[in-house]
Amino acid sequence: MNIAIIGTGNIGSALGKAWAKAGHKIYLGVRDTANFKGKEMLSLPNIQVLSISEAVKHADAIMIAAVPQATADIVKAMGDVNGKIIIDAMNSVRVKPEGYSNTFEALTDLAKGAQIVKCFNSTGFENMSDPKYNDTAIDMFAAGDSKPAKELAKQLAKDAGFAECYDFGGNDKAALLEQFALVWINLAIMQGQGRNIAFKLLKR
């Protein structure tokens, strides 16, 4: 699969490396191809850097892991996204896109014709890099109305080493999934549990 990653910080780098190792072709979409975070990823096979619009043209799926306030500018830079799947891996718990309550709402309104899913936002980058705790793989969660987008997110979660990617609900649950991310942030940072903690859904 061809995957464009916009936002090459900790989350984008962790998942880009994991997906490249799983055999996917990764296009890093950046504003300045000579100067960007995550340059070390270019030493891996299956990863190359392009402008945002060129990365999107090549992509079957697009993951955005940037700061929320950049959402509108990113949508403009992407160009035509009609029919594309966009994975929103951002959180608006501190800063929101101007005029919107969260990034999913902004993308749904601005990225015309795209199928959008909220995923890869609910835990820290350490868990993206290594989702296994001893012999147990942790879980991921996805929200959105698009079934194809959620199915793709589920497959990419498994390709990155997660045990399962659970359906969190439709578009109306995207904001709740951001709050779920805040639960992890609260436990890990505010309550001092440390960043090496994760969520696992258990069943009887």
C-alpha atoms as a PDB file:
ATOM      1  CA  MET A   1       0.000   0.000   0.000  1.00  0.00           C
ATOM      2  CA  ASN A   2       1.127   3.564  -0.665  1.00  0.00           C
ATOM      3  CA  ILE A   3       0.814   5.707   2.466  1.00  0.00           C
ATOM      4  CA  ALA A   4       1.403   9.448   2.729  1.00  0.00           C
ATOM      5  CA  ILE A   5       2.400  10.683   6.180  1.00  0.00           C
ATOM      6  CA  ILE A   6       1.954  14.378   6.898  1.00  0.00           C
ATOM      7  CA  GLY A   7       3.578  15.270  10.188  1.00  0.00           C
ATOM      8  CA  THR A   8       6.919  13.526  10.652  1.00  0.00           C
ATOM      9  CA  GLY A   9       7.386  14.028  14.387  1.00  0.00           C
ATOM     10  CA  ASN A  10       7.252  11.261  16.977  1.00  0.00           C
ATOM     11  CA  ILE A  11       3.958   9.630  15.903  1.00  0.00           C
ATOM     12  CA  GLY A  12       4.562   9.971  12.167  1.00  0.00           C
ATOM     13  CA  SER A  13       8.106   8.635  12.483  1.00  0.00           C
ATOM     14  CA  ALA A  14       7.127   5.675  14.653  1.00  0.00           C
ATOM     15  CA  LEU A  15       4.323   4.531  12.370  1.00  0.00           C
ATOM     16  CA  GLY A  16       6.214   5.328   9.187  1.00  0.00           C
ATOM     17  CA  LYS A  17       9.042   3.034  10.248  1.00  0.00           C
ATOM     18  CA  ALA A  18       6.649   0.279  11.329  1.00  0.00           C
ATOM     19  CA  TRP A  19       4.670   0.382   8.095  1.00  0.00           C
ATOM     20  CA  ALA A  20       7.786   0.505   5.940  1.00  0.00           C
ATOM     21  CA  LYS A  21       9.091  -2.594   7.713  1.00  0.00           C
ATOM     22  CA  ALA A  22       5.712  -4.249   7.029  1.00  0.00           C
ATOM     23  CA  GLY A  23       6.284  -3.676   3.304  1.00  0.00           C
ATOM     24  CA  HIS A  24       4.227  -0.548   2.663  1.00  0.00           C
ATOM     25  CA  LYS A  25       5.564   2.307   0.535  1.00  0.00           C
ATOM     26  CA  ILE A  26       5.807   5.470   2.623  1.00  0.00           C
ATOM     27  CA  TYR A  27       5.745   8.992   1.203  1.00  0.00           C
ATOM     28  CA  LEU A  28       6.626  11.681   3.729  1.00  0.00           C
ATOM     29  CA  GLY A  29       4.676  14.799   2.757  1.00  0.00           C
ATOM     30  CA  VAL A  30       6.541  17.885   3.978  1.00  0.00           C
ATOM     31  CA  ARG A  31       6.668  21.598   3.230  1.00  0.00           C
ATOM     32  CA  ASP A  32      10.474  21.696   2.894  1.00  0.00           C
ATOM     33  CA  THR A  33      11.977  18.473   1.515  1.00  0.00           C
ATOM     34  CA  ALA A  34      15.478  19.615   2.513  1.00  0.00           C
ATOM     35  CA  ASN A  35      14.673  20.363   6.130  1.00  0.00           C
ATOM     36  CA  PHE A  36      12.123  18.373   8.135  1.00  0.00           C
ATOM     37  CA  LYS A  37      11.750  16.247  11.253  1.00  0.00           C
ATOM     38  CA  GLY A  38      12.349  12.540  10.879  1.00  0.00           C
ATOM     39  CA  LYS A  39      15.070  12.736   8.212  1.00  0.00           C
ATOM     40  CA  GLU A  40      16.568   9.551   9.629  1.00  0.00           C
ATOM     41  CA  MET A  41      13.634   7.635   8.185  1.00  0.00           C
ATOM     42  CA  LEU A  42      15.071   8.084   4.703  1.00  0.00           C
ATOM     43  CA  SER A  43      17.776   5.545   5.542  1.00  0.00           C
ATOM     44  CA  LEU A  44      15.103   2.834   5.602  1.00  0.00           C
ATOM     45  CA  PRO A  45      13.824   1.073   2.475  1.00  0.00           C
ATOM     46  CA  ASN A  46      10.334   1.967   1.201  1.00  0.00           C
ATOM     47  CA  ILE A  47      10.473   5.567   2.486  1.00  0.00           C
ATOM     48  CA  GLN A  48      10.936   8.729   0.456  1.00  0.00           C
ATOM     49  CA  VAL A  49      10.169  12.426   0.918  1.00  0.00           C
ATOM     50  CA  LEU A  50       7.995  14.556  -1.362  1.00  0.00           C
ATOM     51  CA  SER A  51       5.999  17.756  -1.205  1.00  0.00           C
ATOM     52  CA  ILE A  52       2.643  17.357   0.519  1.00  0.00           C
ATOM     53  CA  SER A  53       0.674  17.496  -2.738  1.00  0.00           C
ATOM     54  CA  GLU A  54       2.942  14.954  -4.488  1.00  0.00           C
ATOM     55  CA  ALA A  55       2.832  12.572  -1.525  1.00  0.00           C
ATOM     56  CA  VAL A  56      -0.965  12.713  -1.577  1.00  0.00           C
ATOM     57  CA  LYS A  57      -1.085  12.034  -5.338  1.00  0.00           C
ATOM     58  CA  HIS A  58       0.890   8.810  -4.825  1.00  0.00           C
ATOM     59  CA  ALA A  59      -1.071   7.670  -1.763  1.00  0.00           C
ATOM     60  CA  ASP A  60      -3.848   5.164  -1.255  1.00  0.00           C
ATOM     61  CA  ALA A  61      -4.146   6.446   2.313  1.00  0.00           C
ATOM     62  CA  ILE A  62      -3.020   9.603   4.099  1.00  0.00           C
ATOM     63  CA  MET A  63      -2.184   9.881   7.790  1.00  0.00           C
ATOM     64  CA  ILE A  64      -2.051  13.338   9.341  1.00  0.00           C
ATOM     65  CA  ALA A  65      -0.113  13.552  12.601  1.00  0.00           C
ATOM     66  CA  ALA A  66       0.535  17.294  12.723  1.00  0.00           C
ATOM     67  CA  VAL A  67      -0.398  20.053  15.175  1.00  0.00           C
ATOM     68  CA  PRO A  68      -4.164  20.799  15.135  1.00  0.00           C
ATOM     69  CA  GLN A  69      -3.766  24.466  14.214  1.00  0.00           C
ATOM     70  CA  ALA A  70      -2.124  23.423  10.920  1.00  0.00           C
ATOM     71  CA  THR A  71      -5.162  21.413   9.754  1.00  0.00           C
ATOM     72  CA  ALA A  72      -6.604  23.977   7.339  1.00  0.00           C
ATOM     73  CA  ASP A  73      -3.213  24.728   5.766  1.00  0.00           C
ATOM     74  CA  ILE A  74      -2.534  21.005   5.341  1.00  0.00           C
ATOM     75  CA  VAL A  75      -5.862  20.465   3.586  1.00  0.00           C
ATOM     76  CA  LYS A  76      -5.003  23.287   1.158  1.00  0.00           C
ATOM     77  CA  ALA A  77      -1.536  21.840   0.527  1.00  0.00           C
ATOM     78  CA  MET A  78      -2.898  18.328  -0.104  1.00  0.00           C
ATOM     79  CA  GLY A  79      -4.936  19.361  -3.122  1.00  0.00           C
ATOM     80  CA  ASP A  80      -7.507  16.932  -4.491  1.00  0.00           C
ATOM     81  CA  VAL A  81      -8.371  14.271  -1.893  1.00  0.00           C
ATOM     82  CA  ASN A  82     -11.622  13.074  -3.450  1.00  0.00           C
ATOM     83  CA  GLY A  83     -11.957   9.353  -2.766  1.00  0.00           C
ATOM     84  CA  LYS A  84      -8.838   9.253  -0.583  1.00  0.00           C
ATOM     85  CA  ILE A  85      -8.787   7.800   2.925  1.00  0.00           C
ATOM     86  CA  ILE A  86      -7.467  10.190   5.560  1.00  0.00           C
ATOM     87  CA  ILE A  87      -6.418   8.938   8.988  1.00  0.00           C
ATOM     88  CA  ASP A  88      -6.677  11.688  11.606  1.00  0.00           C
ATOM     89  CA  ALA A  89      -4.033  10.923  14.231  1.00  0.00           C
ATOM     90  CA  MET A  90      -4.197  14.376  15.826  1.00  0.00           C
ATOM     91  CA  ASN A  91      -5.591  15.497  19.172  1.00  0.00           C
ATOM     92  CA  SER A  92      -7.160  18.842  20.021  1.00  0.00           C
ATOM     93  CA  VAL A  93      -6.966  18.513  23.789  1.00  0.00           C
ATOM     94  CA  ARG A  94      -4.833  21.662  24.147  1.00  0.00           C
ATOM     95  CA  VAL A  95      -5.094  23.536  20.836  1.00  0.00           C
ATOM     96  CA  LYS A  96      -7.995  23.390  18.363  1.00  0.00           C
ATOM     97  CA  PRO A  97      -8.159  24.153  14.636  1.00  0.00           C
ATOM     98  CA  GLU A  98      -9.501  27.670  14.179  1.00  0.00           C
ATOM     99  CA  GLY A  99     -13.277  27.590  13.897  1.00  0.00           C
ATOM    100  CA  TYR A 100     -13.664  23.914  14.854  1.00  0.00           C
ATOM    101  CA  SER A 101     -13.963  21.933  18.066  1.00  0.00           C
ATOM    102  CA  ASN A 102     -11.490  19.248  16.927  1.00  0.00           C
ATOM    103  CA  THR A 103      -9.397  18.104  13.965  1.00  0.00           C
ATOM    104  CA  PHE A 104     -11.847  15.421  12.843  1.00  0.00           C
ATOM    105  CA  GLU A 105     -14.598  18.009  12.538  1.00  0.00           C
ATOM    106  CA  ALA A 106     -12.273  20.290  10.564  1.00  0.00           C
ATOM    107  CA  LEU A 107     -11.152  17.529   8.191  1.00  0.00           C
ATOM    108  CA  THR A 108     -14.726  16.361   7.634  1.00  0.00           C
ATOM    109  CA  ASP A 109     -15.700  19.893   6.616  1.00  0.00           C
ATOM    110  CA  LEU A 110     -12.596  20.927   4.664  1.00  0.00           C
ATOM    111  CA  ALA A 111     -11.303  17.758   2.966  1.00  0.00           C
ATOM    112  CA  LYS A 112     -14.117  17.415   0.447  1.00  0.00           C
ATOM    113  CA  GLY A 113     -14.761  13.922  -0.890  1.00  0.00           C
ATOM    114  CA  ALA A 114     -12.339  12.169   1.466  1.00  0.00           C
ATOM    115  CA  GLN A 115     -13.205   9.262   3.765  1.00  0.00           C
ATOM    116  CA  ILE A 116     -11.950  10.127   7.226  1.00  0.00           C
ATOM    117  CA  VAL A 117     -11.187   7.932  10.217  1.00  0.00           C
ATOM    118  CA  LYS A 118      -9.861   8.880  13.652  1.00  0.00           C
ATOM    119  CA  CYS A 119      -7.090   6.482  14.695  1.00  0.00           C
ATOM    120  CA  PHE A 120      -3.563   6.305  16.120  1.00  0.00           C
ATOM    121  CA  ASN A 121      -4.268   9.200  18.490  1.00  0.00           C
ATOM    122  CA  SER A 122      -5.036   7.390  21.750  1.00  0.00           C
ATOM    123  CA  THR A 123      -1.577   6.522  23.063  1.00  0.00           C
ATOM    124  CA  GLY A 124       2.009   7.786  23.108  1.00  0.00           C
ATOM    125  CA  PHE A 125       4.585   7.378  20.380  1.00  0.00           C
ATOM    126  CA  GLU A 126       6.504   4.868  22.492  1.00  0.00           C
ATOM    127  CA  ASN A 127       3.568   2.486  22.119  1.00  0.00           C
ATOM    128  CA  MET A 128       3.457   3.141  18.377  1.00  0.00           C
ATOM    129  CA  SER A 129       7.131   2.160  18.153  1.00  0.00           C
ATOM    130  CA  ASP A 130       6.679  -0.926  20.310  1.00  0.00           C
ATOM    131  CA  PRO A 131       3.082  -2.016  20.982  1.00  0.00           C
ATOM    132  CA  LYS A 132       4.105  -5.184  22.825  1.00  0.00           C
ATOM    133  CA  TYR A 133       4.262  -5.529  26.600  1.00  0.00           C
ATOM    134  CA  ASN A 134       6.126  -8.755  27.261  1.00  0.00           C
ATOM    135  CA  ASP A 135       4.139 -11.273  25.176  1.00  0.00           C
ATOM    136  CA  THR A 136       0.971  -9.159  24.913  1.00  0.00           C
ATOM    137  CA  ALA A 137       0.225  -6.702  22.109  1.00  0.00           C
ATOM    138  CA  ILE A 138      -1.872  -3.689  23.078  1.00  0.00           C
ATOM    139  CA  ASP A 139      -4.985  -2.409  21.295  1.00  0.00           C
ATOM    140  CA  MET A 140      -5.844   0.531  19.053  1.00  0.00           C
ATOM    141  CA  PHE A 141      -9.191   2.242  18.424  1.00  0.00           C
ATOM    142  CA  ALA A 142     -10.816   3.897  15.399  1.00  0.00           C
ATOM    143  CA  ALA A 143     -13.864   6.152  14.924  1.00  0.00           C
ATOM    144  CA  GLY A 144     -15.707   7.406  11.853  1.00  0.00           C
ATOM    145  CA  ASP A 145     -18.640   6.753   9.565  1.00  0.00           C
ATOM    146  CA  SER A 146     -16.576   5.312   6.703  1.00  0.00           C
ATOM    147  CA  LYS A 147     -16.406   1.532   6.876  1.00  0.00           C
ATOM    148  CA  PRO A 148     -13.597   1.265   4.265  1.00  0.00           C
ATOM    149  CA  ALA A 149     -11.532   3.820   6.195  1.00  0.00           C
ATOM    150  CA  LYS A 150     -11.996   1.931   9.464  1.00  0.00           C
ATOM    151  CA  GLU A 151     -11.130  -1.379   7.830  1.00  0.00           C
ATOM    152  CA  LEU A 152      -7.940   0.138   6.439  1.00  0.00           C
ATOM    153  CA  ALA A 153      -7.036   1.625   9.841  1.00  0.00           C
ATOM    154  CA  LYS A 154      -7.608  -1.776  11.421  1.00  0.00           C
ATOM    155  CA  GLN A 155      -5.258  -3.437   8.949  1.00  0.00           C
ATOM    156  CA  LEU A 156      -2.577  -0.775   9.413  1.00  0.00           C
ATOM    157  CA  ALA A 157      -2.850  -1.113  13.202  1.00  0.00           C
ATOM    158  CA  LYS A 158      -2.186  -4.832  12.903  1.00  0.00           C
ATOM    159  CA  ASP A 159       0.658  -4.183  10.468  1.00  0.00           C
ATOM    160  CA  ALA A 160       2.211  -1.907  13.108  1.00  0.00           C
ATOM    161  CA  GLY A 161       2.004  -4.696  15.703  1.00  0.00           C
ATOM    162  CA  PHE A 162      -1.197  -3.876  17.585  1.00  0.00           C
ATOM    163  CA  ALA A 163      -3.335  -6.847  18.592  1.00  0.00           C
ATOM    164  CA  GLU A 164      -6.657  -5.354  17.515  1.00  0.00           C
ATOM    165  CA  CYS A 165      -8.175  -2.088  16.356  1.00  0.00           C
ATOM    166  CA  TYR A 166     -11.624  -1.754  17.902  1.00  0.00           C
ATOM    167  CA  ASP A 167     -14.492   0.171  16.346  1.00  0.00           C
ATOM    168  CA  PHE A 168     -15.134   3.165  18.614  1.00  0.00           C
ATOM    169  CA  GLY A 169     -18.230   4.273  16.708  1.00  0.00           C
ATOM    170  CA  GLY A 170     -19.104   6.753  13.967  1.00  0.00           C
ATOM    171  CA  ASN A 171     -18.231  10.390  13.346  1.00  0.00           C
ATOM    172  CA  ASP A 172     -20.050  11.326  16.541  1.00  0.00           C
ATOM    173  CA  LYS A 173     -17.510   9.342  18.586  1.00  0.00           C
ATOM    174  CA  ALA A 174     -14.370  11.023  17.174  1.00  0.00           C
ATOM    175  CA  ALA A 175     -14.443  13.666  19.917  1.00  0.00           C
ATOM    176  CA  LEU A 176     -14.847  10.908  22.523  1.00  0.00           C
ATOM    177  CA  LEU A 177     -11.776   9.172  21.121  1.00  0.00           C
ATOM    178  CA  GLU A 178      -9.834  12.398  21.667  1.00  0.00           C
ATOM    179  CA  GLN A 179     -11.041  12.397  25.272  1.00  0.00           C
ATOM    180  CA  PHE A 180      -9.871   8.795  25.522  1.00  0.00           C
ATOM    181  CA  ALA A 181      -6.436  10.059  24.473  1.00  0.00           C
ATOM    182  CA  LEU A 182      -6.639  12.574  27.301  1.00  0.00           C
ATOM    183  CA  VAL A 183      -7.204   9.681  29.716  1.00  0.00           C
ATOM    184  CA  TRP A 184      -3.854   8.217  28.628  1.00  0.00           C
ATOM    185  CA  ILE A 185      -2.178  11.637  28.883  1.00  0.00           C
ATOM    186  CA  ASN A 186      -3.635  12.159  32.348  1.00  0.00           C
ATOM    187  CA  LEU A 187      -2.440   8.794  33.648  1.00  0.00           C
ATOM    188  CA  ALA A 188       0.944   8.850  31.944  1.00  0.00           C
ATOM    189  CA  ILE A 189       1.973  12.432  32.604  1.00  0.00           C
ATOM    190  CA  MET A 190      -0.306  14.246  35.058  1.00  0.00           C
ATOM    191  CA  GLN A 191      -0.656  11.279  37.428  1.00  0.00           C
ATOM    192  CA  GLY A 192       2.971  10.227  36.985  1.00  0.00           C
ATOM    193  CA  GLN A 193       2.434   6.675  35.754  1.00  0.00           C
ATOM    194  CA  GLY A 194       5.013   7.217  33.011  1.00  0.00           C
ATOM    195  CA  ARG A 195       4.713   6.937  29.249  1.00  0.00           C
ATOM    196  CA  ASN A 196       5.168   3.172  29.113  1.00  0.00           C
ATOM    197  CA  ILE A 197       1.543   2.398  29.905  1.00  0.00           C
ATOM    198  CA  ALA A 198      -1.152   1.251  27.493  1.00  0.00           C
ATOM    199  CA  PHE A 199      -4.743   0.094  27.113  1.00  0.00           C
ATOM    200  CA  LYS A 200      -5.904  -3.478  26.468  1.00  0.00           C
ATOM    201  CA  LEU A 201      -9.544  -4.501  26.064  1.00  0.00           C
ATOM    202  CA  LEU A 202     -10.218  -7.725  27.956  1.00  0.00           C
ATOM    203  CA  LYS A 203     -13.252  -9.976  27.480  1.00  0.00           C
ATOM    204  CA  ARG A 204     -14.780 -12.906  29.373  1.00  0.00           C
END
